[in-house]
Amino acid sequence: MDGEPILIVDDNATNLKLVKVLLVKEGYEIRTAGDAEEALKVLQAFKPRLILMDLQLPGMDGLTLTRQLKAAPETKDILIVALTAYAMKGDDEKALAAGCDGYITKPIDTQAFPAQIAGYLKK
């Protein structure tokens, strides 16, 4: 999976940094965005295989952004995995219904996380 491009969308700087460090260490090419608007700008020049999407973002939330990306021909095939603190019953179903291809809850398990991401990229 060396060099696979991944976009991390998260408004929490600590979470963003942790996930980026874990994935850079695994050899992935990482870009980050702090909100939906920034993510859309990044996607104009960067074509990730996978987007890690926080669902609770300022402005447009992650579910809305996911629906928008899955509806657009140029981004519909990008894997989107919800990466969220939302862990209530039914939240995973909402994420999957919005078009997410997977769901990982925060706080992440730093030991298991790289393997989870590799698993999504193998699909």
PDB file of N, CA and C in Angstrom:
ATOM      1  N   MET A   1       0.818  -1.206   0.000  1.00  0.00           N
ATOM      2  CA  MET A   1       0.000   0.000   0.000  1.00  0.00           C
ATOM      3  C   MET A   1       0.859   1.268   0.000  1.00  0.00           C
ATOM      4  N   ASP A   2       2.142   1.109  -0.222  1.00  0.00           N
ATOM      5  CA  ASP A   2       3.035   2.264  -0.179  1.00  0.00           C
ATOM      6  C   ASP A   2       2.578   3.376  -1.104  1.00  0.00           C
ATOM      7  N   GLY A   3       2.568   4.575  -0.578  1.00  0.00           N
ATOM      8  CA  GLY A   3       2.271   5.745  -1.369  1.00  0.00           C
ATOM      9  C   GLY A   3       0.809   5.973  -1.687  1.00  0.00           C
ATOM     10  N   GLU A   4      -0.084   5.109  -1.212  1.00  0.00           N
ATOM     11  CA  GLU A   4      -1.507   5.315  -1.476  1.00  0.00           C
ATOM     12  C   GLU A   4      -1.924   6.692  -0.965  1.00  0.00           C
ATOM     13  N   PRO A   5      -2.624   7.486  -1.780  1.00  0.00           N
ATOM     14  CA  PRO A   5      -3.056   8.818  -1.349  1.00  0.00           C
ATOM     15  C   PRO A   5      -4.299   8.771  -0.459  1.00  0.00           C
ATOM     16  N   ILE A   6      -4.214   9.465   0.667  1.00  0.00           N
ATOM     17  CA  ILE A   6      -5.316   9.527   1.631  1.00  0.00           C
ATOM     18  C   ILE A   6      -5.532  10.975   2.045  1.00  0.00           C
ATOM     19  N   LEU A   7      -6.793  11.374   2.111  1.00  0.00           N
ATOM     20  CA  LEU A   7      -7.179  12.689   2.624  1.00  0.00           C
ATOM     21  C   LEU A   7      -7.830  12.494   3.989  1.00  0.00           C
ATOM     22  N   ILE A   8      -7.354  13.231   4.984  1.00  0.00           N
ATOM     23  CA  ILE A   8      -7.942  13.206   6.324  1.00  0.00           C
ATOM     24  C   ILE A   8      -8.697  14.512   6.511  1.00  0.00           C
ATOM     25  N   VAL A   9      -9.993  14.421   6.820  1.00  0.00           N
ATOM     26  CA  VAL A   9     -10.815  15.609   7.053  1.00  0.00           C
ATOM     27  C   VAL A   9     -11.260  15.582   8.510  1.00  0.00           C
ATOM     28  N   ASP A  10     -10.700  16.490   9.321  1.00  0.00           N
ATOM     29  CA  ASP A  10     -11.014  16.533  10.753  1.00  0.00           C
ATOM     30  C   ASP A  10     -10.727  17.937  11.264  1.00  0.00           C
ATOM     31  N   ASP A  11     -11.634  18.497  12.041  1.00  0.00           N
ATOM     32  CA  ASP A  11     -11.446  19.852  12.558  1.00  0.00           C
ATOM     33  C   ASP A  11     -10.661  19.868  13.871  1.00  0.00           C
ATOM     34  N   ASN A  12     -10.373  18.699  14.438  1.00  0.00           N
ATOM     35  CA  ASN A  12      -9.610  18.626  15.683  1.00  0.00           C
ATOM     36  C   ASN A  12      -8.137  18.416  15.331  1.00  0.00           C
ATOM     37  N   ALA A  13      -7.312  19.437  15.618  1.00  0.00           N
ATOM     38  CA  ALA A  13      -5.905  19.403  15.225  1.00  0.00           C
ATOM     39  C   ALA A  13      -5.152  18.222  15.830  1.00  0.00           C
ATOM     40  N   THR A  14      -5.484  17.848  17.057  1.00  0.00           N
ATOM     41  CA  THR A  14      -4.808  16.727  17.719  1.00  0.00           C
ATOM     42  C   THR A  14      -5.129  15.415  17.011  1.00  0.00           C
ATOM     43  N   ASN A  15      -6.412  15.188  16.722  1.00  0.00           N
ATOM     44  CA  ASN A  15      -6.810  13.977  16.001  1.00  0.00           C
ATOM     45  C   ASN A  15      -6.173  13.930  14.617  1.00  0.00           C
ATOM     46  N   LEU A  16      -6.181  15.067  13.938  1.00  0.00           N
ATOM     47  CA  LEU A  16      -5.620  15.158  12.595  1.00  0.00           C
ATOM     48  C   LEU A  16      -4.145  14.771  12.607  1.00  0.00           C
ATOM     49  N   LYS A  17      -3.406  15.319  13.572  1.00  0.00           N
ATOM     50  CA  LYS A  17      -1.970  15.057  13.666  1.00  0.00           C
ATOM     51  C   LYS A  17      -1.701  13.584  13.986  1.00  0.00           C
ATOM     52  N   LEU A  18      -2.439  13.019  14.930  1.00  0.00           N
ATOM     53  CA  LEU A  18      -2.245  11.621  15.317  1.00  0.00           C
ATOM     54  C   LEU A  18      -2.465  10.695  14.123  1.00  0.00           C
ATOM     55  N   VAL A  19      -3.585  10.867  13.435  1.00  0.00           N
ATOM     56  CA  VAL A  19      -3.905  10.003  12.296  1.00  0.00           C
ATOM     57  C   VAL A  19      -2.863  10.180  11.194  1.00  0.00           C
ATOM     58  N   LYS A  20      -2.463  11.427  10.941  1.00  0.00           N
ATOM     59  CA  LYS A  20      -1.457  11.692   9.908  1.00  0.00           C
ATOM     60  C   LYS A  20      -0.136  11.006  10.248  1.00  0.00           C
ATOM     61  N   VAL A  21       0.319  11.143  11.484  1.00  0.00           N
ATOM     62  CA  VAL A  21       1.582  10.520  11.899  1.00  0.00           C
ATOM     63  C   VAL A  21       1.528   9.000  11.712  1.00  0.00           C
ATOM     64  N   LEU A  22       0.425   8.392  12.150  1.00  0.00           N
ATOM     65  CA  LEU A  22       0.284   6.933  12.021  1.00  0.00           C
ATOM     66  C   LEU A  22       0.338   6.482  10.564  1.00  0.00           C
ATOM     67  N   LEU A  23      -0.297   7.246   9.681  1.00  0.00           N
ATOM     68  CA  LEU A  23      -0.377   6.833   8.283  1.00  0.00           C
ATOM     69  C   LEU A  23       0.882   7.180   7.491  1.00  0.00           C
ATOM     70  N   VAL A  24       1.518   8.299   7.796  1.00  0.00           N
ATOM     71  CA  VAL A  24       2.778   8.650   7.135  1.00  0.00           C
ATOM     72  C   VAL A  24       3.826   7.578   7.458  1.00  0.00           C
ATOM     73  N   LYS A  25       3.822   7.129   8.711  1.00  0.00           N
ATOM     74  CA  LYS A  25       4.744   6.082   9.157  1.00  0.00           C
ATOM     75  C   LYS A  25       4.564   4.792   8.338  1.00  0.00           C
ATOM     76  N   GLU A  26       3.340   4.565   7.857  1.00  0.00           N
ATOM     77  CA  GLU A  26       3.049   3.381   7.041  1.00  0.00           C
ATOM     78  C   GLU A  26       3.348   3.607   5.557  1.00  0.00           C
ATOM     79  N   GLY A  27       3.766   4.815   5.199  1.00  0.00           N
ATOM     80  CA  GLY A  27       4.143   5.090   3.813  1.00  0.00           C
ATOM     81  C   GLY A  27       3.071   5.707   2.942  1.00  0.00           C
ATOM     82  N   TYR A  28       1.933   6.082   3.528  1.00  0.00           N
ATOM     83  CA  TYR A  28       0.867   6.690   2.740  1.00  0.00           C
ATOM     84  C   TYR A  28       1.180   8.143   2.417  1.00  0.00           C
ATOM     85  N   GLU A  29       0.654   8.620   1.294  1.00  0.00           N
ATOM     86  CA  GLU A  29       0.753  10.037   0.914  1.00  0.00           C
ATOM     87  C   GLU A  29      -0.468  10.734   1.504  1.00  0.00           C
ATOM     88  N   ILE A  30      -0.237  11.648   2.430  1.00  0.00           N
ATOM     89  CA  ILE A  30      -1.331  12.243   3.200  1.00  0.00           C
ATOM     90  C   ILE A  30      -1.519  13.724   2.881  1.00  0.00           C
ATOM     91  N   ARG A  31      -2.790  14.104   2.749  1.00  0.00           N
ATOM     92  CA  ARG A  31      -3.204  15.514   2.730  1.00  0.00           C
ATOM     93  C   ARG A  31      -4.250  15.641   3.830  1.00  0.00           C
ATOM     94  N   THR A  32      -4.400  16.861   4.340  1.00  0.00           N
ATOM     95  CA  THR A  32      -5.364  17.081   5.408  1.00  0.00           C
ATOM     96  C   THR A  32      -6.238  18.291   5.100  1.00  0.00           C
ATOM     97  N   ALA A  33      -7.406  18.307   5.745  1.00  0.00           N
ATOM     98  CA  ALA A  33      -8.333  19.439   5.646  1.00  0.00           C
ATOM     99  C   ALA A  33      -9.060  19.555   6.981  1.00  0.00           C
ATOM    100  N   GLY A  34      -9.272  20.799   7.415  1.00  0.00           N
ATOM    101  CA  GLY A  34      -9.920  21.050   8.698  1.00  0.00           C
ATOM    102  C   GLY A  34     -11.430  21.192   8.621  1.00  0.00           C
ATOM    103  N   ASP A  35     -11.965  21.289   7.407  1.00  0.00           N
ATOM    104  CA  ASP A  35     -13.416  21.389   7.241  1.00  0.00           C
ATOM    105  C   ASP A  35     -13.783  20.994   5.811  1.00  0.00           C
ATOM    106  N   ALA A  36     -15.075  20.964   5.529  1.00  0.00           N
ATOM    107  CA  ALA A  36     -15.562  20.509   4.225  1.00  0.00           C
ATOM    108  C   ALA A  36     -15.089  21.416   3.087  1.00  0.00           C
ATOM    109  N   GLU A  37     -15.117  22.703   3.322  1.00  0.00           N
ATOM    110  CA  GLU A  37     -14.706  23.649   2.281  1.00  0.00           C
ATOM    111  C   GLU A  37     -13.242  23.432   1.889  1.00  0.00           C
ATOM    112  N   GLU A  38     -12.389  23.270   2.907  1.00  0.00           N
ATOM    113  CA  GLU A  38     -10.974  23.022   2.649  1.00  0.00           C
ATOM    114  C   GLU A  38     -10.790  21.679   1.942  1.00  0.00           C
ATOM    115  N   ALA A  39     -11.564  20.677   2.329  1.00  0.00           N
ATOM    116  CA  ALA A  39     -11.487  19.361   1.685  1.00  0.00           C
ATOM    117  C   ALA A  39     -11.810  19.465   0.198  1.00  0.00           C
ATOM    118  N   LEU A  40     -12.842  20.233  -0.134  1.00  0.00           N
ATOM    119  CA  LEU A  40     -13.221  20.405  -1.543  1.00  0.00           C
ATOM    120  C   LEU A  40     -12.101  21.085  -2.331  1.00  0.00           C
ATOM    121  N   LYS A  41     -11.415  22.043  -1.705  1.00  0.00           N
ATOM    122  CA  LYS A  41     -10.276  22.710  -2.368  1.00  0.00           C
ATOM    123  C   LYS A  41      -9.138  21.724  -2.591  1.00  0.00           C
ATOM    124  N   VAL A  42      -8.822  20.927  -1.572  1.00  0.00           N
ATOM    125  CA  VAL A  42      -7.751  19.930  -1.688  1.00  0.00           C
ATOM    126  C   VAL A  42      -8.064  18.950  -2.809  1.00  0.00           C
ATOM    127  N   LEU A  43      -9.334  18.542  -2.914  1.00  0.00           N
ATOM    128  CA  LEU A  43      -9.735  17.546  -3.912  1.00  0.00           C
ATOM    129  C   LEU A  43      -9.656  18.055  -5.349  1.00  0.00           C
ATOM    130  N   GLN A  44      -9.518  19.350  -5.537  1.00  0.00           N
ATOM    131  CA  GLN A  44      -9.365  19.883  -6.893  1.00  0.00           C
ATOM    132  C   GLN A  44      -8.021  19.468  -7.491  1.00  0.00           C
ATOM    133  N   ALA A  45      -7.001  19.281  -6.622  1.00  0.00           N
ATOM    134  CA  ALA A  45      -5.666  18.951  -7.116  1.00  0.00           C
ATOM    135  C   ALA A  45      -5.148  17.597  -6.641  1.00  0.00           C
ATOM    136  N   PHE A  46      -5.822  16.990  -5.678  1.00  0.00           N
ATOM    137  CA  PHE A  46      -5.357  15.745  -5.061  1.00  0.00           C
ATOM    138  C   PHE A  46      -6.444  14.697  -5.197  1.00  0.00           C
ATOM    139  N   LYS A  47      -6.084  13.534  -5.715  1.00  0.00           N
ATOM    140  CA  LYS A  47      -7.064  12.465  -5.928  1.00  0.00           C
ATOM    141  C   LYS A  47      -6.755  11.287  -4.995  1.00  0.00           C
ATOM    142  N   PRO A  48      -7.332  11.282  -3.800  1.00  0.00           N
ATOM    143  CA  PRO A  48      -7.059  10.196  -2.858  1.00  0.00           C
ATOM    144  C   PRO A  48      -7.798   8.913  -3.229  1.00  0.00           C
ATOM    145  N   ARG A  49      -7.262   7.790  -2.787  1.00  0.00           N
ATOM    146  CA  ARG A  49      -7.993   6.520  -2.889  1.00  0.00           C
ATOM    147  C   ARG A  49      -8.987   6.417  -1.761  1.00  0.00           C
ATOM    148  N   LEU A  50      -8.656   7.101  -0.628  1.00  0.00           N
ATOM    149  CA  LEU A  50      -9.485   6.986   0.564  1.00  0.00           C
ATOM    150  C   LEU A  50      -9.557   8.336   1.272  1.00  0.00           C
ATOM    151  N   ILE A  51     -10.725   8.640   1.818  1.00  0.00           N
ATOM    152  CA  ILE A  51     -10.913   9.829   2.649  1.00  0.00           C
ATOM    153  C   ILE A  51     -11.354   9.358   4.029  1.00  0.00           C
ATOM    154  N   LEU A  52     -10.652   9.821   5.052  1.00  0.00           N
ATOM    155  CA  LEU A  52     -11.074   9.600   6.435  1.00  0.00           C
ATOM    156  C   LEU A  52     -11.871  10.827   6.827  1.00  0.00           C
ATOM    157  N   MET A  53     -13.155  10.641   7.084  1.00  0.00           N
ATOM    158  CA  MET A  53     -14.094  11.746   7.230  1.00  0.00           C
ATOM    159  C   MET A  53     -14.643  11.861   8.651  1.00  0.00           C
ATOM    160  N   ASP A  54     -14.271  12.957   9.322  1.00  0.00           N
ATOM    161  CA  ASP A  54     -14.918  13.274  10.596  1.00  0.00           C
ATOM    162  C   ASP A  54     -16.352  13.674  10.254  1.00  0.00           C
ATOM    163  N   LEU A  55     -17.301  13.236  11.036  1.00  0.00           N
ATOM    164  CA  LEU A  55     -18.701  13.563  10.728  1.00  0.00           C
ATOM    165  C   LEU A  55     -19.128  14.899  11.306  1.00  0.00           C
ATOM    166  N   GLN A  56     -18.500  15.302  12.390  1.00  0.00           N
ATOM    167  CA  GLN A  56     -18.874  16.551  13.044  1.00  0.00           C
ATOM    168  C   GLN A  56     -17.850  17.625  12.665  1.00  0.00           C
ATOM    169  N   LEU A  57     -18.171  18.356  11.612  1.00  0.00           N
ATOM    170  CA  LEU A  57     -17.300  19.423  11.110  1.00  0.00           C
ATOM    171  C   LEU A  57     -18.020  20.758  11.224  1.00  0.00           C
ATOM    172  N   PRO A  58     -17.252  21.851  11.349  1.00  0.00           N
ATOM    173  CA  PRO A  58     -17.901  23.169  11.341  1.00  0.00           C
ATOM    174  C   PRO A  58     -18.449  23.461   9.939  1.00  0.00           C
ATOM    175  N   GLY A  59     -19.553  24.175   9.866  1.00  0.00           N
ATOM    176  CA  GLY A  59     -20.160  24.438   8.561  1.00  0.00           C
ATOM    177  C   GLY A  59     -20.830  23.181   8.054  1.00  0.00           C
ATOM    178  N   MET A  60     -20.464  22.773   6.838  1.00  0.00           N
ATOM    179  CA  MET A  60     -21.020  21.548   6.259  1.00  0.00           C
ATOM    180  C   MET A  60     -20.476  20.341   7.035  1.00  0.00           C
ATOM    181  N   ASP A  61     -21.375  19.471   7.503  1.00  0.00           N
ATOM    182  CA  ASP A  61     -20.908  18.306   8.270  1.00  0.00           C
ATOM    183  C   ASP A  61     -20.399  17.207   7.334  1.00  0.00           C
ATOM    184  N   GLY A  62     -19.757  16.211   7.926  1.00  0.00           N
ATOM    185  CA  GLY A  62     -19.144  15.140   7.151  1.00  0.00           C
ATOM    186  C   GLY A  62     -20.128  14.280   6.384  1.00  0.00           C
ATOM    187  N   LEU A  63     -21.335  14.104   6.914  1.00  0.00           N
ATOM    188  CA  LEU A  63     -22.347  13.318   6.193  1.00  0.00           C
ATOM    189  C   LEU A  63     -22.783  14.036   4.918  1.00  0.00           C
ATOM    190  N   THR A  64     -22.977  15.343   5.027  1.00  0.00           N
ATOM    191  CA  THR A  64     -23.369  16.136   3.856  1.00  0.00           C
ATOM    192  C   THR A  64     -22.255  16.129   2.807  1.00  0.00           C
ATOM    193  N   LEU A  65     -21.020  16.305   3.268  1.00  0.00           N
ATOM    194  CA  LEU A  65     -19.882  16.281   2.336  1.00  0.00           C
ATOM    195  C   LEU A  65     -19.768  14.907   1.675  1.00  0.00           C
ATOM    196  N   THR A  66     -19.958  13.843   2.434  1.00  0.00           N
ATOM    197  CA  THR A  66     -19.902  12.488   1.872  1.00  0.00           C
ATOM    198  C   THR A  66     -20.959  12.322   0.782  1.00  0.00           C
ATOM    199  N   ARG A  67     -22.191  12.745   1.064  1.00  0.00           N
ATOM    200  CA  ARG A  67     -23.263  12.635   0.056  1.00  0.00           C
ATOM    201  C   ARG A  67     -22.875  13.394  -1.213  1.00  0.00           C
ATOM    202  N   GLN A  68     -22.320  14.592  -1.034  1.00  0.00           N
ATOM    203  CA  GLN A  68     -21.924  15.425  -2.166  1.00  0.00           C
ATOM    204  C   GLN A  68     -20.825  14.739  -2.981  1.00  0.00           C
ATOM    205  N   LEU A  69     -19.827  14.179  -2.312  1.00  0.00           N
ATOM    206  CA  LEU A  69     -18.719  13.519  -3.011  1.00  0.00           C
ATOM    207  C   LEU A  69     -19.183  12.253  -3.728  1.00  0.00           C
ATOM    208  N   LYS A  70     -20.079  11.495  -3.109  1.00  0.00           N
ATOM    209  CA  LYS A  70     -20.573  10.257  -3.725  1.00  0.00           C
ATOM    210  C   LYS A  70     -21.503  10.545  -4.898  1.00  0.00           C
ATOM    211  N   ALA A  71     -22.078  11.746  -4.947  1.00  0.00           N
ATOM    212  CA  ALA A  71     -22.971  12.123  -6.045  1.00  0.00           C
ATOM    213  C   ALA A  71     -22.209  12.679  -7.249  1.00  0.00           C
ATOM    214  N   ALA A  72     -20.965  13.103  -7.035  1.00  0.00           N
ATOM    215  CA  ALA A  72     -20.190  13.723  -8.115  1.00  0.00           C
ATOM    216  C   ALA A  72     -19.405  12.665  -8.892  1.00  0.00           C
ATOM    217  N   PRO A  73     -19.489  12.681 -10.221  1.00  0.00           N
ATOM    218  CA  PRO A  73     -18.804  11.662 -11.030  1.00  0.00           C
ATOM    219  C   PRO A  73     -17.301  11.562 -10.758  1.00  0.00           C
ATOM    220  N   GLU A  74     -16.644  12.704 -10.529  1.00  0.00           N
ATOM    221  CA  GLU A  74     -15.184  12.691 -10.357  1.00  0.00           C
ATOM    222  C   GLU A  74     -14.726  12.185  -8.979  1.00  0.00           C
ATOM    223  N   THR A  75     -15.633  12.113  -8.005  1.00  0.00           N
ATOM    224  CA  THR A  75     -15.240  11.668  -6.658  1.00  0.00           C
ATOM    225  C   THR A  75     -16.050  10.476  -6.151  1.00  0.00           C
ATOM    226  N   LYS A  76     -16.997   9.986  -6.935  1.00  0.00           N
ATOM    227  CA  LYS A  76     -17.909   8.942  -6.438  1.00  0.00           C
ATOM    228  C   LYS A  76     -17.216   7.631  -6.093  1.00  0.00           C
ATOM    229  N   ASP A  77     -16.061   7.359  -6.704  1.00  0.00           N
ATOM    230  CA  ASP A  77     -15.379   6.080  -6.480  1.00  0.00           C
ATOM    231  C   ASP A  77     -14.346   6.122  -5.351  1.00  0.00           C
ATOM    232  N   ILE A  78     -14.147   7.286  -4.744  1.00  0.00           N
ATOM    233  CA  ILE A  78     -13.205   7.382  -3.625  1.00  0.00           C
ATOM    234  C   ILE A  78     -13.821   6.688  -2.413  1.00  0.00           C
ATOM    235  N   LEU A  79     -13.047   5.831  -1.766  1.00  0.00           N
ATOM    236  CA  LEU A  79     -13.507   5.196  -0.528  1.00  0.00           C
ATOM    237  C   LEU A  79     -13.599   6.265   0.551  1.00  0.00           C
ATOM    238  N   ILE A  80     -14.697   6.288   1.281  1.00  0.00           N
ATOM    239  CA  ILE A  80     -14.858   7.238   2.386  1.00  0.00           C
ATOM    240  C   ILE A  80     -15.152   6.446   3.650  1.00  0.00           C
ATOM    241  N   VAL A  81     -14.300   6.633   4.647  1.00  0.00           N
ATOM    242  CA  VAL A  81     -14.474   5.958   5.922  1.00  0.00           C
ATOM    243  C   VAL A  81     -14.736   7.019   6.988  1.00  0.00           C
ATOM    244  N   ALA A  82     -15.879   6.896   7.652  1.00  0.00           N
ATOM    245  CA  ALA A  82     -16.200   7.811   8.748  1.00  0.00           C
ATOM    246  C   ALA A  82     -15.223   7.559   9.886  1.00  0.00           C
ATOM    247  N   LEU A  83     -14.652   8.628  10.407  1.00  0.00           N
ATOM    248  CA  LEU A  83     -13.736   8.548  11.547  1.00  0.00           C
ATOM    249  C   LEU A  83     -14.309   9.512  12.571  1.00  0.00           C
ATOM    250  N   THR A  84     -15.023   8.972  13.550  1.00  0.00           N
ATOM    251  CA  THR A  84     -15.860   9.848  14.347  1.00  0.00           C
ATOM    252  C   THR A  84     -15.985   9.435  15.800  1.00  0.00           C
ATOM    253  N   ALA A  85     -16.262  10.417  16.620  1.00  0.00           N
ATOM    254  CA  ALA A  85     -16.537  10.167  18.038  1.00  0.00           C
ATOM    255  C   ALA A  85     -17.997   9.762  18.222  1.00  0.00           C
ATOM    256  N   TYR A  86     -18.807   9.908  17.157  1.00  0.00           N
ATOM    257  CA  TYR A  86     -20.199   9.466  17.232  1.00  0.00           C
ATOM    258  C   TYR A  86     -20.216   7.950  17.342  1.00  0.00           C
ATOM    259  N   ALA A  87     -20.587   7.450  18.474  1.00  0.00           N
ATOM    260  CA  ALA A  87     -20.583   5.994  18.656  1.00  0.00           C
ATOM    261  C   ALA A  87     -21.906   5.528  19.256  1.00  0.00           C
ATOM    262  N   MET A  88     -22.951   6.304  19.058  1.00  0.00           N
ATOM    263  CA  MET A  88     -24.267   5.927  19.563  1.00  0.00           C
ATOM    264  C   MET A  88     -24.890   4.898  18.616  1.00  0.00           C
ATOM    265  N   LYS A  89     -25.825   4.152  19.156  1.00  0.00           N
ATOM    266  CA  LYS A  89     -26.518   3.145  18.347  1.00  0.00           C
ATOM    267  C   LYS A  89     -27.162   3.836  17.133  1.00  0.00           C
ATOM    268  N   GLY A  90     -26.888   3.317  15.977  1.00  0.00           N
ATOM    269  CA  GLY A  90     -27.471   3.867  14.755  1.00  0.00           C
ATOM    270  C   GLY A  90     -26.579   4.855  14.023  1.00  0.00           C
ATOM    271  N   ASP A  91     -25.542   5.382  14.683  1.00  0.00           N
ATOM    272  CA  ASP A  91     -24.675   6.351  14.013  1.00  0.00           C
ATOM    273  C   ASP A  91     -23.916   5.716  12.848  1.00  0.00           C
ATOM    274  N   ASP A  92     -23.497   4.457  13.016  1.00  0.00           N
ATOM    275  CA  ASP A  92     -22.805   3.788  11.919  1.00  0.00           C
ATOM    276  C   ASP A  92     -23.743   3.624  10.717  1.00  0.00           C
ATOM    277  N   GLU A  93     -25.018   3.314  10.990  1.00  0.00           N
ATOM    278  CA  GLU A  93     -25.978   3.167   9.897  1.00  0.00           C
ATOM    279  C   GLU A  93     -26.200   4.489   9.165  1.00  0.00           C
ATOM    280  N   LYS A  94     -26.227   5.602   9.919  1.00  0.00           N
ATOM    281  CA  LYS A  94     -26.379   6.925   9.282  1.00  0.00           C
ATOM    282  C   LYS A  94     -25.197   7.202   8.362  1.00  0.00           C
ATOM    283  N   ALA A  95     -23.990   6.870   8.834  1.00  0.00           N
ATOM    284  CA  ALA A  95     -22.785   7.101   8.033  1.00  0.00           C
ATOM    285  C   ALA A  95     -22.821   6.246   6.761  1.00  0.00           C
ATOM    286  N   LEU A  96     -23.179   4.983   6.895  1.00  0.00           N
ATOM    287  CA  LEU A  96     -23.239   4.095   5.735  1.00  0.00           C
ATOM    288  C   LEU A  96     -24.346   4.529   4.769  1.00  0.00           C
ATOM    289  N   ALA A  97     -25.467   4.983   5.313  1.00  0.00           N
ATOM    290  CA  ALA A  97     -26.571   5.463   4.466  1.00  0.00           C
ATOM    291  C   ALA A  97     -26.173   6.712   3.682  1.00  0.00           C
ATOM    292  N   ALA A  98     -25.291   7.529   4.246  1.00  0.00           N
ATOM    293  CA  ALA A  98     -24.829   8.744   3.574  1.00  0.00           C
ATOM    294  C   ALA A  98     -23.817   8.428   2.472  1.00  0.00           C
ATOM    295  N   GLY A  99     -23.329   7.182   2.451  1.00  0.00           N
ATOM    296  CA  GLY A  99     -22.385   6.790   1.410  1.00  0.00           C
ATOM    297  C   GLY A  99     -21.018   6.384   1.911  1.00  0.00           C
ATOM    298  N   CYS A 100     -20.804   6.430   3.223  1.00  0.00           N
ATOM    299  CA  CYS A 100     -19.508   6.006   3.761  1.00  0.00           C
ATOM    300  C   CYS A 100     -19.317   4.513   3.484  1.00  0.00           C
ATOM    301  N   ASP A 101     -18.085   4.153   3.185  1.00  0.00           N
ATOM    302  CA  ASP A 101     -17.754   2.755   2.900  1.00  0.00           C
ATOM    303  C   ASP A 101     -17.324   2.007   4.156  1.00  0.00           C
ATOM    304  N   GLY A 102     -17.176   2.733   5.255  1.00  0.00           N
ATOM    305  CA  GLY A 102     -16.776   2.130   6.513  1.00  0.00           C
ATOM    306  C   GLY A 102     -16.924   3.117   7.647  1.00  0.00           C
ATOM    307  N   TYR A 103     -16.619   2.658   8.860  1.00  0.00           N
ATOM    308  CA  TYR A 103     -16.887   3.446  10.060  1.00  0.00           C
ATOM    309  C   TYR A 103     -15.871   3.053  11.132  1.00  0.00           C
ATOM    310  N   ILE A 104     -15.089   4.021  11.599  1.00  0.00           N
ATOM    311  CA  ILE A 104     -14.122   3.796  12.676  1.00  0.00           C
ATOM    312  C   ILE A 104     -14.416   4.823  13.764  1.00  0.00           C
ATOM    313  N   THR A 105     -14.511   4.349  15.003  1.00  0.00           N
ATOM    314  CA  THR A 105     -14.812   5.264  16.101  1.00  0.00           C
ATOM    315  C   THR A 105     -13.542   5.792  16.757  1.00  0.00           C
ATOM    316  N   LYS A 106     -13.648   7.014  17.262  1.00  0.00           N
ATOM    317  CA  LYS A 106     -12.587   7.625  18.059  1.00  0.00           C
ATOM    318  C   LYS A 106     -12.936   7.422  19.530  1.00  0.00           C
ATOM    319  N   PRO A 107     -11.974   7.337  20.399  1.00  0.00           N
ATOM    320  CA  PRO A 107     -10.547   7.393  20.076  1.00  0.00           C
ATOM    321  C   PRO A 107     -10.118   6.139  19.328  1.00  0.00           C
ATOM    322  N   ILE A 108      -9.207   6.324  18.382  1.00  0.00           N
ATOM    323  CA  ILE A 108      -8.764   5.187  17.584  1.00  0.00           C
ATOM    324  C   ILE A 108      -7.809   4.317  18.389  1.00  0.00           C
ATOM    325  N   ASP A 109      -7.751   3.055  18.014  1.00  0.00           N
ATOM    326  CA  ASP A 109      -6.779   2.117  18.566  1.00  0.00           C
ATOM    327  C   ASP A 109      -5.533   2.261  17.692  1.00  0.00           C
ATOM    328  N   THR A 110      -4.506   2.922  18.206  1.00  0.00           N
ATOM    329  CA  THR A 110      -3.325   3.230  17.393  1.00  0.00           C
ATOM    330  C   THR A 110      -2.606   1.977  16.897  1.00  0.00           C
ATOM    331  N   GLN A 111      -2.756   0.864  17.609  1.00  0.00           N
ATOM    332  CA  GLN A 111      -2.134  -0.393  17.172  1.00  0.00           C
ATOM    333  C   GLN A 111      -2.894  -1.000  15.987  1.00  0.00           C
ATOM    334  N   ALA A 112      -4.213  -0.974  16.055  1.00  0.00           N
ATOM    335  CA  ALA A 112      -5.040  -1.624  15.032  1.00  0.00           C
ATOM    336  C   ALA A 112      -5.320  -0.719  13.827  1.00  0.00           C
ATOM    337  N   PHE A 113      -5.226   0.589  14.003  1.00  0.00           N
ATOM    338  CA  PHE A 113      -5.641   1.551  12.977  1.00  0.00           C
ATOM    339  C   PHE A 113      -4.967   1.342  11.613  1.00  0.00           C
ATOM    340  N   PRO A 114      -3.629   1.218  11.542  1.00  0.00           N
ATOM    341  CA  PRO A 114      -3.015   1.028  10.215  1.00  0.00           C
ATOM    342  C   PRO A 114      -3.555  -0.204   9.478  1.00  0.00           C
ATOM    343  N   ALA A 115      -3.795  -1.281  10.203  1.00  0.00           N
ATOM    344  CA  ALA A 115      -4.341  -2.485   9.573  1.00  0.00           C
ATOM    345  C   ALA A 115      -5.775  -2.265   9.108  1.00  0.00           C
ATOM    346  N   GLN A 116      -6.551  -1.485   9.876  1.00  0.00           N
ATOM    347  CA  GLN A 116      -7.922  -1.168   9.449  1.00  0.00           C
ATOM    348  C   GLN A 116      -7.895  -0.414   8.119  1.00  0.00           C
ATOM    349  N   ILE A 117      -7.007   0.564   8.021  1.00  0.00           N
ATOM    350  CA  ILE A 117      -6.919   1.369   6.797  1.00  0.00           C
ATOM    351  C   ILE A 117      -6.464   0.495   5.627  1.00  0.00           C
ATOM    352  N   ALA A 118      -5.464  -0.346   5.850  1.00  0.00           N
ATOM    353  CA  ALA A 118      -4.997  -1.258   4.797  1.00  0.00           C
ATOM    354  C   ALA A 118      -6.125  -2.167   4.327  1.00  0.00           C
ATOM    355  N   GLY A 119      -6.953  -2.613   5.277  1.00  0.00           N
ATOM    356  CA  GLY A 119      -8.097  -3.461   4.941  1.00  0.00           C
ATOM    357  C   GLY A 119      -9.082  -2.758   4.024  1.00  0.00           C
ATOM    358  N   TYR A 120      -9.373  -1.501   4.301  1.00  0.00           N
ATOM    359  CA  TYR A 120     -10.290  -0.753   3.435  1.00  0.00           C
ATOM    360  C   TYR A 120      -9.692  -0.579   2.041  1.00  0.00           C
ATOM    361  N   LEU A 121      -8.393  -0.321   1.958  1.00  0.00           N
ATOM    362  CA  LEU A 121      -7.758  -0.096   0.671  1.00  0.00           C
ATOM    363  C   LEU A 121      -7.665  -1.370  -0.167  1.00  0.00           C
ATOM    364  N   LYS A 122      -7.732  -2.521   0.453  1.00  0.00           N
ATOM    365  CA  LYS A 122      -7.675  -3.803  -0.272  1.00  0.00           C
ATOM    366  C   LYS A 122      -9.007  -4.137  -0.935  1.00  0.00           C
ATOM    367  N   LYS A 123     -10.092  -3.502  -0.463  1.00  0.00           N
ATOM    368  CA  LYS A 123     -11.425  -3.813  -1.000  1.00  0.00           C
ATOM    369  C   LYS A 123     -11.551  -3.381  -2.449  1.00  0.00           C
TER     370      LYS A 123
END
